Amino acid sequence: MNRANFLTVEEAGRVLRIGRTAAYEAAKRFRSSGGTDGIPVVAVGGSLRVPVARLEQWAGGPLDLSVLDGLAAARDELRTVEDHPATTPRTRPARGTTSRKAQTSLPFSD
C-alpha cells in the first residue's frame, strides 16, 4: 500500500487500536486543548486529517501502518460489489395485489 502523509481519524484509530468513537473524542480533545492532549489533527477543508509524522511523534515512535492494508482491500472489494451487484433489484407487486395466493380463513369458530 502506498503510504500517505495523512490519515483519516478512523484510520488513525485503527492504527492505534482504538475504536472510531474514541478516536474522534481524542481528536476533539486535541482541538479543544489547543494541541496539548489527544490525537494530533489538522483541518483540511471540512475534514479532519491526522499527519502521520505527528502521530508517530505523539505515540513515541514508528507505528505499524500495515493494519490499513486489509482496510484498503476491503474497501476495494466493497466498491466492486456495489458497482456490480450479483442480483437484480427486487420489485414489489403492484399496489392492491399480493405476491402470494389469498390466505383462506382459519378453521376456528367463535
Protein backbone atom coordinates (compact mmCIF):
# COMPACT_ATOMS: atom_id res chain seq x y z
CA MET A 1 0.00 0.00 0.00
CA ASN A 2 1.28 3.46 -0.83
CA ARG A 3 1.70 5.27 2.47
CA ALA A 4 0.05 8.64 2.70
CA ASN A 5 1.26 11.54 4.78
CA PHE A 6 -2.20 11.96 6.31
CA LEU A 7 -4.74 9.53 7.74
CA THR A 8 -8.41 9.94 8.45
CA VAL A 9 -9.35 9.96 12.12
CA GLU A 10 -10.83 6.48 11.70
CA GLU A 11 -7.62 5.16 10.13
CA ALA A 12 -5.55 6.68 12.95
CA GLY A 13 -7.84 4.97 15.44
CA ARG A 14 -7.35 1.66 13.67
CA VAL A 15 -3.55 2.10 13.76
CA LEU A 16 -3.73 2.94 17.47
CA ARG A 17 -6.14 0.03 18.01
CA ILE A 18 -8.87 2.16 19.49
CA GLY A 19 -12.47 2.45 18.35
CA ARG A 20 -13.90 5.02 15.98
CA THR A 21 -15.70 6.94 18.73
CA ALA A 22 -12.61 7.04 20.96
CA ALA A 23 -10.52 8.31 18.04
CA TYR A 24 -12.94 11.16 17.30
CA GLU A 25 -13.14 12.04 21.01
CA ALA A 26 -9.32 12.18 21.16
CA ALA A 27 -9.26 14.40 18.06
CA LYS A 28 -11.84 16.68 19.66
CA ARG A 29 -9.72 16.85 22.84
CA PHE A 30 -6.70 17.85 20.75
CA ARG A 31 -8.60 20.72 19.18
CA SER A 32 -10.23 21.92 22.40
CA SER A 33 -6.98 21.73 24.40
CA GLY A 34 -5.01 23.74 21.88
CA GLY A 35 -2.92 20.71 20.97
CA THR A 36 -1.84 19.63 24.44
CA ASP A 37 -3.96 16.45 24.68
CA GLY A 38 -5.40 13.90 22.25
CA ILE A 39 -4.68 12.72 18.71
CA PRO A 40 -3.00 15.45 16.62
CA VAL A 41 -5.29 16.58 13.80
CA VAL A 42 -5.41 19.35 11.23
CA ALA A 43 -8.47 20.68 9.45
CA VAL A 44 -8.37 20.18 5.69
CA GLY A 45 -11.42 21.81 4.21
CA GLY A 46 -14.32 20.42 6.18
CA SER A 47 -12.46 17.26 7.20
CA LEU A 48 -10.01 16.35 9.92
CA ARG A 49 -6.76 14.62 8.97
CA VAL A 50 -4.03 13.14 11.13
CA PRO A 51 -0.45 13.86 9.99
CA VAL A 52 1.42 10.53 10.19
CA ALA A 53 4.69 12.18 11.29
CA ARG A 54 2.97 13.99 14.19
CA LEU A 55 1.04 10.86 15.15
CA GLU A 56 4.28 8.86 15.33
CA GLN A 57 5.90 11.65 17.35
CA TRP A 58 2.90 11.71 19.69
CA ALA A 59 2.96 7.89 20.02
CA GLY A 60 6.69 7.89 20.73
CA GLY A 61 7.94 6.07 17.65
CA PRO A 62 7.10 4.41 14.36
CA LEU A 63 3.62 2.95 14.01
CA ASP A 64 2.58 -0.22 12.21
CA LEU A 65 0.53 1.13 9.32
CA SER A 66 0.14 -2.35 7.80
CA VAL A 67 -3.19 -2.70 9.61
CA LEU A 68 -4.54 -0.31 6.97
CA ASP A 69 -3.67 -2.72 4.13
CA GLY A 70 -6.61 -5.00 4.93
CA LEU A 71 -8.89 -1.98 5.25
CA ALA A 72 -7.98 -0.75 1.77
CA ALA A 73 -8.52 -4.20 0.28
CA ALA A 74 -11.92 -4.49 1.98
CA ARG A 75 -12.94 -1.06 0.66
CA ASP A 76 -11.88 -2.01 -2.88
CA GLU A 77 -13.85 -5.25 -2.68
CA LEU A 78 -16.91 -3.42 -1.33
CA ARG A 79 -16.75 -0.91 -4.18
CA THR A 80 -16.58 -3.76 -6.69
CA VAL A 81 -19.64 -5.44 -5.18
CA GLU A 82 -21.59 -2.16 -5.11
CA ASP A 83 -20.68 -1.35 -8.72
CA HIS A 84 -21.60 -4.80 -9.99
CA PRO A 85 -24.36 -6.35 -7.88
CA ALA A 86 -24.76 -10.10 -8.32
CA THR A 87 -28.54 -9.93 -8.29
CA THR A 88 -31.07 -7.64 -9.83
CA PRO A 89 -33.13 -5.41 -7.58
CA ARG A 90 -36.35 -6.88 -6.27
CA THR A 91 -39.55 -5.33 -7.47
CA ARG A 92 -42.71 -5.04 -5.45
CA PRO A 93 -46.07 -6.23 -6.74
CA ALA A 94 -48.45 -3.56 -7.96
CA ARG A 95 -50.49 -1.86 -5.26
CA GLY A 96 -53.64 -3.75 -4.36
CA THR A 97 -52.21 -7.09 -5.43
CA THR A 98 -50.35 -9.66 -3.47
CA SER A 99 -47.47 -11.87 -4.45
CA ARG A 100 -48.95 -14.81 -2.52
CA LYS A 101 -52.19 -16.62 -3.04
CA ALA A 102 -55.01 -15.20 -0.94
CA GLN A 103 -55.00 -16.67 2.54
CA THR A 104 -58.08 -18.67 3.44
CA SER A 105 -59.77 -18.18 6.77
CA LEU A 106 -58.59 -20.31 9.66
CA PRO A 107 -60.79 -23.20 10.79
CA PHE A 108 -61.57 -21.71 14.20
CA SER A 109 -65.06 -20.92 15.37
CA ASP A 110 -66.27 -18.43 17.92
